[in-house]
Amino acid sequence: MAKKTQKPDKHVVVARSVARRWVARVAEPEYRVKVLLGTREIKNLPSLLRSFRDSRVAMQDVPAIGDLGIKEHFDSIELWSKDRENLVKLAAWFEKRGFDTTGVW
């Protein structure tokens, strides 16, 4: 049996550096906020937020966020976007109406 004399370490290092450069070039910051529902039973809130994202529904003092991501959990709704300023406004909108939020992070 012939033994391999070269190790693929160099290829791994090169692949990692290429991947690191690609991620640095395409990565953008993303901000998240979690709205805690508590004991409230609100069934249509995710649907309302999707309509808000698509500019079919307006919320007072909050401009539409076109890249708003929405994920429904058992006791909360997680929202994320690249637009930090408007996500802060949306979190304030929820807090003004008595919801607890985790704050934008």
Protein backbone atom coordinates (compact mmCIF):
# COMPACT_ATOMS: atom_id res chain seq x y z
CA MET A 1 0.00 0.00 0.00
CA ALA A 2 1.19 3.42 -0.85
CA LYS A 3 1.15 6.03 1.89
CA LYS A 4 0.03 9.56 1.26
CA THR A 5 2.84 11.96 1.86
CA GLN A 6 0.82 15.18 1.58
CA LYS A 7 -1.72 16.19 4.13
CA PRO A 8 -4.79 18.18 3.11
CA ASP A 9 -4.14 20.81 5.83
CA LYS A 10 -3.22 23.46 3.30
CA HIS A 11 -6.46 22.94 1.39
CA VAL A 12 -8.51 23.29 4.57
CA VAL A 13 -6.76 26.53 5.52
CA VAL A 14 -7.34 27.96 2.03
CA ALA A 15 -11.01 26.90 2.06
CA ARG A 16 -11.52 28.52 5.46
CA SER A 17 -9.96 31.78 4.35
CA VAL A 18 -12.10 31.83 1.19
CA ALA A 19 -15.22 31.12 3.27
CA ARG A 20 -14.28 33.85 5.78
CA ARG A 21 -13.87 36.43 2.99
CA TRP A 22 -17.20 35.42 1.41
CA VAL A 23 -19.09 35.67 4.70
CA ALA A 24 -17.52 39.05 5.47
CA ARG A 25 -18.57 40.33 2.06
CA VAL A 26 -22.23 39.18 2.13
CA ALA A 27 -23.04 39.33 5.86
CA GLU A 28 -25.20 42.17 7.14
CA PRO A 29 -26.26 42.92 10.71
CA GLU A 30 -29.65 41.61 11.75
CA TYR A 31 -31.60 42.81 14.77
CA ARG A 32 -34.18 40.86 16.76
CA VAL A 33 -36.91 41.53 19.27
CA LYS A 34 -39.21 39.10 21.03
CA VAL A 35 -42.75 40.16 21.95
CA LEU A 36 -43.97 38.21 24.97
CA LEU A 37 -47.68 37.45 24.86
CA GLY A 38 -48.04 36.31 28.46
CA THR A 39 -51.58 35.15 29.19
CA ARG A 40 -53.06 37.02 26.24
CA GLU A 41 -54.51 34.83 23.57
CA ILE A 42 -54.02 36.68 20.31
CA LYS A 43 -54.50 34.40 17.36
CA ASN A 44 -54.17 36.82 14.46
CA LEU A 45 -51.08 38.76 15.52
CA PRO A 46 -48.64 36.93 13.19
CA SER A 47 -51.05 37.46 10.30
CA LEU A 48 -51.40 41.13 11.22
CA LEU A 49 -47.61 41.50 11.25
CA ARG A 50 -47.28 39.84 7.84
CA SER A 51 -49.86 42.27 6.47
CA PHE A 52 -47.91 45.13 8.08
CA ARG A 53 -44.71 43.89 6.40
CA ASP A 54 -46.49 43.76 3.02
CA SER A 55 -47.87 47.33 3.53
CA ARG A 56 -51.49 46.17 3.59
CA VAL A 57 -51.98 47.36 7.18
CA ALA A 58 -50.56 50.49 8.78
CA MET A 59 -49.50 50.84 12.41
CA GLN A 60 -49.46 54.23 14.07
CA ASP A 61 -46.02 55.92 13.96
CA VAL A 62 -44.29 52.82 12.53
CA PRO A 63 -43.31 52.70 8.85
CA ALA A 64 -43.59 49.36 7.06
CA ILE A 65 -40.56 47.09 7.40
CA GLY A 66 -40.14 45.25 4.11
CA ASP A 67 -37.71 42.59 5.34
CA LEU A 68 -39.51 41.85 8.63
CA GLY A 69 -39.15 38.21 9.66
CA ILE A 70 -41.80 36.67 11.90
CA LYS A 71 -41.63 33.46 13.91
CA GLU A 72 -44.43 32.39 16.21
CA HIS A 73 -43.62 30.60 19.46
CA PHE A 74 -45.92 29.21 22.14
CA ASP A 75 -45.86 32.31 24.33
CA SER A 76 -44.13 34.89 22.15
CA ILE A 77 -43.49 36.18 18.67
CA GLU A 78 -39.94 36.73 17.46
CA LEU A 79 -39.33 39.51 14.93
CA TRP A 80 -36.13 40.32 13.04
CA SER A 81 -34.97 42.80 10.44
CA LYS A 82 -31.92 44.66 9.15
CA ASP A 83 -33.72 47.97 9.82
CA ARG A 84 -32.87 48.60 13.49
CA GLU A 85 -34.49 52.04 13.72
CA ASN A 86 -37.94 50.88 12.60
CA LEU A 87 -37.69 47.67 14.64
CA VAL A 88 -37.14 49.84 17.75
CA LYS A 89 -40.27 51.80 16.80
CA LEU A 90 -42.23 48.57 16.38
CA ALA A 91 -41.06 47.33 19.81
CA ALA A 92 -42.14 50.66 21.32
CA TRP A 93 -45.53 50.27 19.61
CA PHE A 94 -46.01 46.89 21.34
CA GLU A 95 -44.81 48.22 24.71
CA LYS A 96 -47.21 51.16 24.48
CA ARG A 97 -50.07 48.65 24.18
CA GLY A 98 -49.02 46.68 27.26
CA PHE A 99 -46.90 43.90 25.78
CA ASP A 100 -43.53 42.99 27.25
CA THR A 101 -40.57 42.82 24.88
CA THR A 102 -36.98 41.72 25.21
CA GLY A 103 -35.77 44.91 23.57
CA VAL A 104 -33.92 45.03 20.28
CA TRP A 105 -30.70 43.02 20.28
